[in-house]
Amino acid sequence: KNTMYLQMNSLNPEDPAVYYCVAADRGTY
């Protein structure tokens, strides 16, 4: 589906943020 997910549980006051999806174009790290 060409989709990645981030399941977030037990959210706390330290978690609010702008979340960014990233992808590499080389390597395996």
Full PDB file with SEQRES, HELIX, SHEET, SSBOND, CRYST1, ORIGX, SCALE, CONECT and MASTER records, all heavy atoms in Angstrom:
SEQRES   1 A   29  LYS ASN THR MET TYR LEU GLN MET ASN SER LEU ASN PRO          
SEQRES   2 A   29  GLU ASP PRO ALA VAL TYR TYR CYS VAL ALA ALA ASP ARG          
SEQRES   3 A   29  GLY THR TYR                                                  
CRYST1    1.000    1.000    1.000  90.00  90.00  90.00 P 1           1          
ORIGX1      1.000000  0.000000  0.000000        0.00000                         
ORIGX2      0.000000  1.000000  0.000000        0.00000                         
ORIGX3      0.000000  0.000000  1.000000        0.00000                         
SCALE1      1.000000  0.000000  0.000000        0.00000                         
SCALE2      0.000000  1.000000  0.000000        0.00000                         
SCALE3      0.000000  0.000000  1.000000        0.00000                         
ATOM      1  N   LYS A   1       0.811  -1.208   0.000  1.00  0.00           N  
ATOM      2  CA  LYS A   1       0.000   0.000   0.000  1.00  0.00           C  
ATOM      3  C   LYS A   1       0.850   1.266   0.000  1.00  0.00           C  
ATOM      4  O   LYS A   1       0.305   2.367   0.059  1.00  0.00           O  
ATOM      5  CB  LYS A   1      -0.931   0.018   1.211  1.00  0.00           C  
ATOM      6  CG  LYS A   1      -1.953  -1.105   1.230  1.00  0.00           C  
ATOM      7  CD  LYS A   1      -2.866  -0.997   2.444  1.00  0.00           C  
ATOM      8  CE  LYS A   1      -3.914  -2.095   2.448  1.00  0.00           C  
ATOM      9  NZ  LYS A   1      -4.806  -2.002   3.630  1.00  0.00           N  
ATOM     10  N   ASN A   2       2.158   1.104  -0.032  1.00  0.00           N  
ATOM     11  CA  ASN A   2       3.079   2.244   0.003  1.00  0.00           C  
ATOM     12  C   ASN A   2       2.803   3.147   1.199  1.00  0.00           C  
ATOM     13  O   ASN A   2       2.771   4.377   1.080  1.00  0.00           O  
ATOM     14  CB  ASN A   2       2.991   3.049  -1.295  1.00  0.00           C  
ATOM     15  CG  ASN A   2       3.544   2.297  -2.479  1.00  0.00           C  
ATOM     16  OD1 ASN A   2       4.398   1.422  -2.332  1.00  0.00           O  
ATOM     17  ND2 ASN A   2       3.068   2.633  -3.668  1.00  0.00           N  
ATOM     18  N   THR A   3       2.624   2.534   2.343  1.00  0.00           N  
ATOM     19  CA  THR A   3       2.242   3.275   3.538  1.00  0.00           C  
ATOM     20  C   THR A   3       3.019   2.792   4.757  1.00  0.00           C  
ATOM     21  O   THR A   3       3.188   1.591   4.956  1.00  0.00           O  
ATOM     22  CB  THR A   3       0.737   3.147   3.810  1.00  0.00           C  
ATOM     23  OG1 THR A   3       0.000   3.607   2.669  1.00  0.00           O  
ATOM     24  CG2 THR A   3       0.335   3.983   5.012  1.00  0.00           C  
ATOM     25  N   MET A   4       3.473   3.742   5.559  1.00  0.00           N  
ATOM     26  CA  MET A   4       4.095   3.461   6.844  1.00  0.00           C  
ATOM     27  C   MET A   4       3.204   4.026   7.936  1.00  0.00           C  
ATOM     28  O   MET A   4       2.538   5.045   7.746  1.00  0.00           O  
ATOM     29  CB  MET A   4       5.487   4.096   6.923  1.00  0.00           C  
ATOM     30  CG  MET A   4       6.176   3.886   8.264  1.00  0.00           C  
ATOM     31  SD  MET A   4       7.819   4.671   8.367  1.00  0.00           S  
ATOM     32  CE  MET A   4       7.387   6.407   8.219  1.00  0.00           C  
ATOM     33  N   TYR A   5       3.220   3.372   9.095  1.00  0.00           N  
ATOM     34  CA  TYR A   5       2.352   3.770  10.188  1.00  0.00           C  
ATOM     35  C   TYR A   5       3.152   4.008  11.466  1.00  0.00           C  
ATOM     36  O   TYR A   5       4.205   3.413  11.684  1.00  0.00           O  
ATOM     37  CB  TYR A   5       1.310   2.693  10.471  1.00  0.00           C  
ATOM     38  CG  TYR A   5       0.493   2.302   9.270  1.00  0.00           C  
ATOM     39  CD1 TYR A   5       0.832   1.190   8.511  1.00  0.00           C  
ATOM     40  CD2 TYR A   5      -0.618   3.046   8.894  1.00  0.00           C  
ATOM     41  CE1 TYR A   5       0.082   0.826   7.408  1.00  0.00           C  
ATOM     42  CE2 TYR A   5      -1.370   2.695   7.790  1.00  0.00           C  
ATOM     43  CZ  TYR A   5      -1.017   1.586   7.051  1.00  0.00           C  
ATOM     44  OH  TYR A   5      -1.768   1.238   5.956  1.00  0.00           O  
ATOM     45  N   LEU A   6       2.617   4.876  12.290  1.00  0.00           N  
ATOM     46  CA  LEU A   6       3.131   5.073  13.636  1.00  0.00           C  
ATOM     47  C   LEU A   6       1.951   4.945  14.592  1.00  0.00           C  
ATOM     48  O   LEU A   6       1.108   5.837  14.666  1.00  0.00           O  
ATOM     49  CB  LEU A   6       3.795   6.438  13.790  1.00  0.00           C  
ATOM     50  CG  LEU A   6       4.338   6.757  15.189  1.00  0.00           C  
ATOM     51  CD1 LEU A   6       5.465   5.796  15.569  1.00  0.00           C  
ATOM     52  CD2 LEU A   6       4.814   8.203  15.274  1.00  0.00           C  
ATOM     53  N   GLN A   7       1.894   3.824  15.289  1.00  0.00           N  
ATOM     54  CA  GLN A   7       0.857   3.604  16.287  1.00  0.00           C  
ATOM     55  C   GLN A   7       1.357   4.146  17.616  1.00  0.00           C  
ATOM     56  O   GLN A   7       2.373   3.678  18.136  1.00  0.00           O  
ATOM     57  CB  GLN A   7       0.533   2.115  16.403  1.00  0.00           C  
ATOM     58  CG  GLN A   7      -0.505   1.786  17.476  1.00  0.00           C  
ATOM     59  CD  GLN A   7      -1.869   2.334  17.153  1.00  0.00           C  
ATOM     60  OE1 GLN A   7      -2.369   2.156  16.044  1.00  0.00           O  
ATOM     61  NE2 GLN A   7      -2.486   3.012  18.111  1.00  0.00           N  
ATOM     62  N   MET A   8       0.648   5.106  18.164  1.00  0.00           N  
ATOM     63  CA  MET A   8       1.045   5.751  19.401  1.00  0.00           C  
ATOM     64  C   MET A   8       0.041   5.409  20.489  1.00  0.00           C  
ATOM     65  O   MET A   8      -1.142   5.728  20.381  1.00  0.00           O  
ATOM     66  CB  MET A   8       1.130   7.265  19.216  1.00  0.00           C  
ATOM     67  CG  MET A   8       2.089   7.692  18.113  1.00  0.00           C  
ATOM     68  SD  MET A   8       2.204   9.492  17.946  1.00  0.00           S  
ATOM     69  CE  MET A   8       0.561   9.847  17.308  1.00  0.00           C  
ATOM     70  N   ASN A   9       0.518   4.759  21.523  1.00  0.00           N  
ATOM     71  CA  ASN A   9      -0.308   4.396  22.660  1.00  0.00           C  
ATOM     72  C   ASN A   9       0.196   5.099  23.911  1.00  0.00           C  
ATOM     73  O   ASN A   9       1.336   5.541  23.980  1.00  0.00           O  
ATOM     74  CB  ASN A   9      -0.296   2.882  22.877  1.00  0.00           C  
ATOM     75  CG  ASN A   9      -0.856   2.112  21.710  1.00  0.00           C  
ATOM     76  OD1 ASN A   9      -1.782   2.568  21.037  1.00  0.00           O  
ATOM     77  ND2 ASN A   9      -0.322   0.925  21.470  1.00  0.00           N  
ATOM     78  N   SER A  10      -0.653   5.174  24.907  1.00  0.00           N  
ATOM     79  CA  SER A  10      -0.303   5.784  26.195  1.00  0.00           C  
ATOM     80  C   SER A  10       0.313   7.163  26.012  1.00  0.00           C  
ATOM     81  O   SER A  10       1.352   7.486  26.589  1.00  0.00           O  
ATOM     82  CB  SER A  10       0.650   4.865  26.962  1.00  0.00           C  
ATOM     83  OG  SER A  10       0.062   3.601  27.197  1.00  0.00           O  
ATOM     84  N   LEU A  11      -0.335   7.973  25.214  1.00  0.00           N  
ATOM     85  CA  LEU A  11       0.177   9.312  24.946  1.00  0.00           C  
ATOM     86  C   LEU A  11       0.208  10.149  26.218  1.00  0.00           C  
ATOM     87  O   LEU A  11      -0.713  10.088  27.036  1.00  0.00           O  
ATOM     88  CB  LEU A  11      -0.676   9.994  23.890  1.00  0.00           C  
ATOM     89  CG  LEU A  11      -0.472   9.451  22.471  1.00  0.00           C  
ATOM     90  CD1 LEU A  11      -1.638   9.832  21.573  1.00  0.00           C  
ATOM     91  CD2 LEU A  11       0.839   9.979  21.897  1.00  0.00           C  
ATOM     92  N   ASN A  12       1.267  10.914  26.363  1.00  0.00           N  
ATOM     93  CA  ASN A  12       1.446  11.741  27.541  1.00  0.00           C  
ATOM     94  C   ASN A  12       1.779  13.166  27.124  1.00  0.00           C  
ATOM     95  O   ASN A  12       1.970  13.449  25.939  1.00  0.00           O  
ATOM     96  CB  ASN A  12       2.528  11.141  28.456  1.00  0.00           C  
ATOM     97  CG  ASN A  12       3.885  11.039  27.786  1.00  0.00           C  
ATOM     98  OD1 ASN A  12       4.392  12.015  27.248  1.00  0.00           O  
ATOM     99  ND2 ASN A  12       4.487   9.861  27.839  1.00  0.00           N  
ATOM    100  N   PRO A  13       1.855  14.085  28.087  1.00  0.00           N  
ATOM    101  CA  PRO A  13       2.098  15.495  27.743  1.00  0.00           C  
ATOM    102  C   PRO A  13       3.443  15.770  27.087  1.00  0.00           C  
ATOM    103  O   PRO A  13       3.658  16.888  26.609  1.00  0.00           O  
ATOM    104  CB  PRO A  13       2.007  16.199  29.114  1.00  0.00           C  
ATOM    105  CG  PRO A  13       1.110  15.323  29.911  1.00  0.00           C  
ATOM    106  CD  PRO A  13       1.475  13.922  29.498  1.00  0.00           C  
ATOM    107  N   GLU A  14       4.344  14.810  27.043  1.00  0.00           N  
ATOM    108  CA  GLU A  14       5.618  14.987  26.363  1.00  0.00           C  
ATOM    109  C   GLU A  14       5.550  14.645  24.881  1.00  0.00           C  
ATOM    110  O   GLU A  14       6.507  14.893  24.147  1.00  0.00           O  
ATOM    111  CB  GLU A  14       6.710  14.146  27.034  1.00  0.00           C  
ATOM    112  CG  GLU A  14       7.026  14.567  28.462  1.00  0.00           C  
ATOM    113  CD  GLU A  14       8.147  13.754  29.078  1.00  0.00           C  
ATOM    114  OE1 GLU A  14       8.494  12.692  28.524  1.00  0.00           O  
ATOM    115  OE2 GLU A  14       8.683  14.183  30.109  1.00  0.00           O  
ATOM    116  N   ASP A  15       4.443  14.088  24.441  1.00  0.00           N  
ATOM    117  CA  ASP A  15       4.327  13.626  23.064  1.00  0.00           C  
ATOM    118  C   ASP A  15       3.793  14.644  22.059  1.00  0.00           C  
ATOM    119  O   ASP A  15       3.999  14.451  20.856  1.00  0.00           O  
ATOM    120  CB  ASP A  15       3.450  12.373  23.008  1.00  0.00           C  
ATOM    121  CG  ASP A  15       4.062  11.188  23.737  1.00  0.00           C  
ATOM    122  OD1 ASP A  15       5.293  11.014  23.666  1.00  0.00           O  
ATOM    123  OD2 ASP A  15       3.293  10.444  24.374  1.00  0.00           O  
ATOM    124  N   PRO A  16       3.101  15.706  22.477  1.00  0.00           N  
ATOM    125  CA  PRO A  16       2.601  16.658  21.483  1.00  0.00           C  
ATOM    126  C   PRO A  16       3.732  17.242  20.655  1.00  0.00           C  
ATOM    127  O   PRO A  16       4.743  17.692  21.196  1.00  0.00           O  
ATOM    128  CB  PRO A  16       1.919  17.739  22.329  1.00  0.00           C  
ATOM    129  CG  PRO A  16       1.528  17.035  23.585  1.00  0.00           C  
ATOM    130  CD  PRO A  16       2.641  16.055  23.833  1.00  0.00           C  
ATOM    131  N   ALA A  17       3.554  17.232  19.363  1.00  0.00           N  
ATOM    132  CA  ALA A  17       4.584  17.703  18.451  1.00  0.00           C  
ATOM    133  C   ALA A  17       4.061  17.615  17.033  1.00  0.00           C  
ATOM    134  O   ALA A  17       3.001  17.039  16.777  1.00  0.00           O  
ATOM    135  CB  ALA A  17       5.857  16.856  18.589  1.00  0.00           C  
ATOM    136  N   VAL A  18       4.825  18.180  16.129  1.00  0.00           N  
ATOM    137  CA  VAL A  18       4.609  17.917  14.720  1.00  0.00           C  
ATOM    138  C   VAL A  18       5.428  16.684  14.368  1.00  0.00           C  
ATOM    139  O   VAL A  18       6.629  16.639  14.630  1.00  0.00           O  
ATOM    140  CB  VAL A  18       5.030  19.107  13.840  1.00  0.00           C  
ATOM    141  CG1 VAL A  18       4.886  18.757  12.365  1.00  0.00           C  
ATOM    142  CG2 VAL A  18       4.191  20.331  14.182  1.00  0.00           C  
ATOM    143  N   TYR A  19       4.779  15.702  13.822  1.00  0.00           N  
ATOM    144  CA  TYR A  19       5.434  14.452  13.475  1.00  0.00           C  
ATOM    145  C   TYR A  19       5.712  14.409  11.985  1.00  0.00           C  
ATOM    146  O   TYR A  19       4.831  14.657  11.163  1.00  0.00           O  
ATOM    147  CB  TYR A  19       4.560  13.263  13.880  1.00  0.00           C  
ATOM    148  CG  TYR A  19       4.589  12.984  15.366  1.00  0.00           C  
ATOM    149  CD1 TYR A  19       3.946  13.833  16.260  1.00  0.00           C  
ATOM    150  CD2 TYR A  19       5.277  11.886  15.876  1.00  0.00           C  
ATOM    151  CE1 TYR A  19       3.991  13.599  17.624  1.00  0.00           C  
ATOM    152  CE2 TYR A  19       5.322  11.638  17.236  1.00  0.00           C  
ATOM    153  CZ  TYR A  19       4.680  12.500  18.107  1.00  0.00           C  
ATOM    154  OH  TYR A  19       4.719  12.255  19.461  1.00  0.00           O  
ATOM    155  N   TYR A  20       6.959  14.077  11.651  1.00  0.00           N  
ATOM    156  CA  TYR A  20       7.406  14.056  10.268  1.00  0.00           C  
ATOM    157  C   TYR A  20       7.766  12.646   9.830  1.00  0.00           C  
ATOM    158  O   TYR A  20       8.492  11.941  10.524  1.00  0.00           O  
ATOM    159  CB  TYR A  20       8.645  14.936  10.085  1.00  0.00           C  
ATOM    160  CG  TYR A  20       8.420  16.397  10.390  1.00  0.00           C  
ATOM    161  CD1 TYR A  20       8.674  16.907  11.654  1.00  0.00           C  
ATOM    162  CD2 TYR A  20       7.966  17.267   9.407  1.00  0.00           C  
ATOM    163  CE1 TYR A  20       8.480  18.245  11.938  1.00  0.00           C  
ATOM    164  CE2 TYR A  20       7.768  18.606   9.683  1.00  0.00           C  
ATOM    165  CZ  TYR A  20       8.027  19.091  10.953  1.00  0.00           C  
ATOM    166  OH  TYR A  20       7.834  20.424  11.220  1.00  0.00           O  
ATOM    167  N   CYS A  21       7.280  12.269   8.698  1.00  0.00           N  
ATOM    168  CA  CYS A  21       7.658  11.024   8.055  1.00  0.00           C  
ATOM    169  C   CYS A  21       8.921  11.256   7.237  1.00  0.00           C  
ATOM    170  O   CYS A  21       9.050  12.281   6.569  1.00  0.00           O  
ATOM    171  CB  CYS A  21       6.511  10.559   7.156  1.00  0.00           C  
ATOM    172  SG  CYS A  21       6.871   9.156   6.093  1.00  0.00           S  
ATOM    173  N   VAL A  22       9.854  10.313   7.300  1.00  0.00           N  
ATOM    174  CA  VAL A  22      11.098  10.445   6.552  1.00  0.00           C  
ATOM    175  C   VAL A  22      11.431   9.141   5.843  1.00  0.00           C  
ATOM    176  O   VAL A  22      11.002   8.065   6.243  1.00  0.00           O  
ATOM    177  CB  VAL A  22      12.279  10.846   7.467  1.00  0.00           C  
ATOM    178  CG1 VAL A  22      12.036  12.220   8.079  1.00  0.00           C  
ATOM    179  CG2 VAL A  22      12.506   9.811   8.564  1.00  0.00           C  
ATOM    180  N   ALA A  23      12.216   9.259   4.800  1.00  0.00           N  
ATOM    181  CA  ALA A  23      12.674   8.099   4.056  1.00  0.00           C  
ATOM    182  C   ALA A  23      14.092   8.331   3.573  1.00  0.00           C  
ATOM    183  O   ALA A  23      14.465   9.453   3.230  1.00  0.00           O  
ATOM    184  CB  ALA A  23      11.754   7.812   2.866  1.00  0.00           C  
ATOM    185  N   ALA A  24      14.868   7.266   3.556  1.00  0.00           N  
ATOM    186  CA  ALA A  24      16.222   7.329   3.042  1.00  0.00           C  
ATOM    187  C   ALA A  24      16.227   7.002   1.557  1.00  0.00           C  
ATOM    188  O   ALA A  24      15.252   6.462   1.018  1.00  0.00           O  
ATOM    189  CB  ALA A  24      17.124   6.348   3.795  1.00  0.00           C  
ATOM    190  N   ASP A  25      17.340   7.325   0.915  1.00  0.00           N  
ATOM    191  CA  ASP A  25      17.488   6.969  -0.488  1.00  0.00           C  
ATOM    192  C   ASP A  25      18.738   6.143  -0.721  1.00  0.00           C  
ATOM    193  O   ASP A  25      19.150   5.942  -1.861  1.00  0.00           O  
ATOM    194  CB  ASP A  25      17.516   8.212  -1.381  1.00  0.00           C  
ATOM    195  CG  ASP A  25      18.750   9.076  -1.167  1.00  0.00           C  
ATOM    196  OD1 ASP A  25      19.471   8.866  -0.176  1.00  0.00           O  
ATOM    197  OD2 ASP A  25      18.986   9.974  -1.997  1.00  0.00           O  
ATOM    198  N   ARG A  26      19.324   5.649   0.361  1.00  0.00           N  
ATOM    199  CA  ARG A  26      20.538   4.865   0.281  1.00  0.00           C  
ATOM    200  C   ARG A  26      20.709   4.076   1.567  1.00  0.00           C  
ATOM    201  O   ARG A  26      20.080   4.378   2.586  1.00  0.00           O  
ATOM    202  CB  ARG A  26      21.754   5.764   0.078  1.00  0.00           C  
ATOM    203  CG  ARG A  26      22.030   6.671   1.275  1.00  0.00           C  
ATOM    204  CD  ARG A  26      23.082   7.715   0.961  1.00  0.00           C  
ATOM    205  NE  ARG A  26      23.462   8.476   2.142  1.00  0.00           N  
ATOM    206  CZ  ARG A  26      22.756   9.481   2.646  1.00  0.00           C  
ATOM    207  NH1 ARG A  26      21.610   9.832   2.076  1.00  0.00           N  
ATOM    208  NH2 ARG A  26      23.177  10.129   3.725  1.00  0.00           N  
ATOM    209  N   GLY A  27      21.559   3.083   1.531  1.00  0.00           N  
ATOM    210  CA  GLY A  27      21.935   2.373   2.731  1.00  0.00           C  
ATOM    211  C   GLY A  27      20.841   1.496   3.303  1.00  0.00           C  
ATOM    212  O   GLY A  27      19.773   1.304   2.715  1.00  0.00           O  
ATOM    213  N   THR A  28      21.132   0.978   4.488  1.00  0.00           N  
ATOM    214  CA  THR A  28      20.204   0.102   5.180  1.00  0.00           C  
ATOM    215  C   THR A  28      19.920   0.546   6.605  1.00  0.00           C  
ATOM    216  O   THR A  28      19.135  -0.094   7.302  1.00  0.00           O  
ATOM    217  CB  THR A  28      20.745  -1.337   5.221  1.00  0.00           C  
ATOM    218  OG1 THR A  28      22.018  -1.362   5.879  1.00  0.00           O  
ATOM    219  CG2 THR A  28      20.892  -1.891   3.812  1.00  0.00           C  
ATOM    220  N   TYR A  29      20.550   1.629   7.059  1.00  0.00           N  
ATOM    221  CA  TYR A  29      20.342   2.083   8.421  1.00  0.00           C  
ATOM    222  C   TYR A  29      18.917   2.589   8.620  1.00  0.00           C  
ATOM    223  O   TYR A  29      18.389   3.321   7.792  1.00  0.00           O  
ATOM    224  CB  TYR A  29      21.318   3.203   8.772  1.00  0.00           C  
ATOM    225  CG  TYR A  29      22.770   2.794   8.735  1.00  0.00           C  
ATOM    226  CD1 TYR A  29      23.703   3.581   8.070  1.00  0.00           C  
ATOM    227  CD2 TYR A  29      23.207   1.638   9.357  1.00  0.00           C  
ATOM    228  CE1 TYR A  29      25.035   3.217   8.036  1.00  0.00           C  
ATOM    229  CE2 TYR A  29      24.536   1.263   9.318  1.00  0.00           C  
ATOM    230  CZ  TYR A  29      25.449   2.055   8.663  1.00  0.00           C  
ATOM    231  OH  TYR A  29      26.775   1.687   8.626  1.00  0.00           O  
TER     232      TYR A  29                                                      
MASTER        0    0    0    0    0    0    0    6  231    1    0    3          
END                                                                             
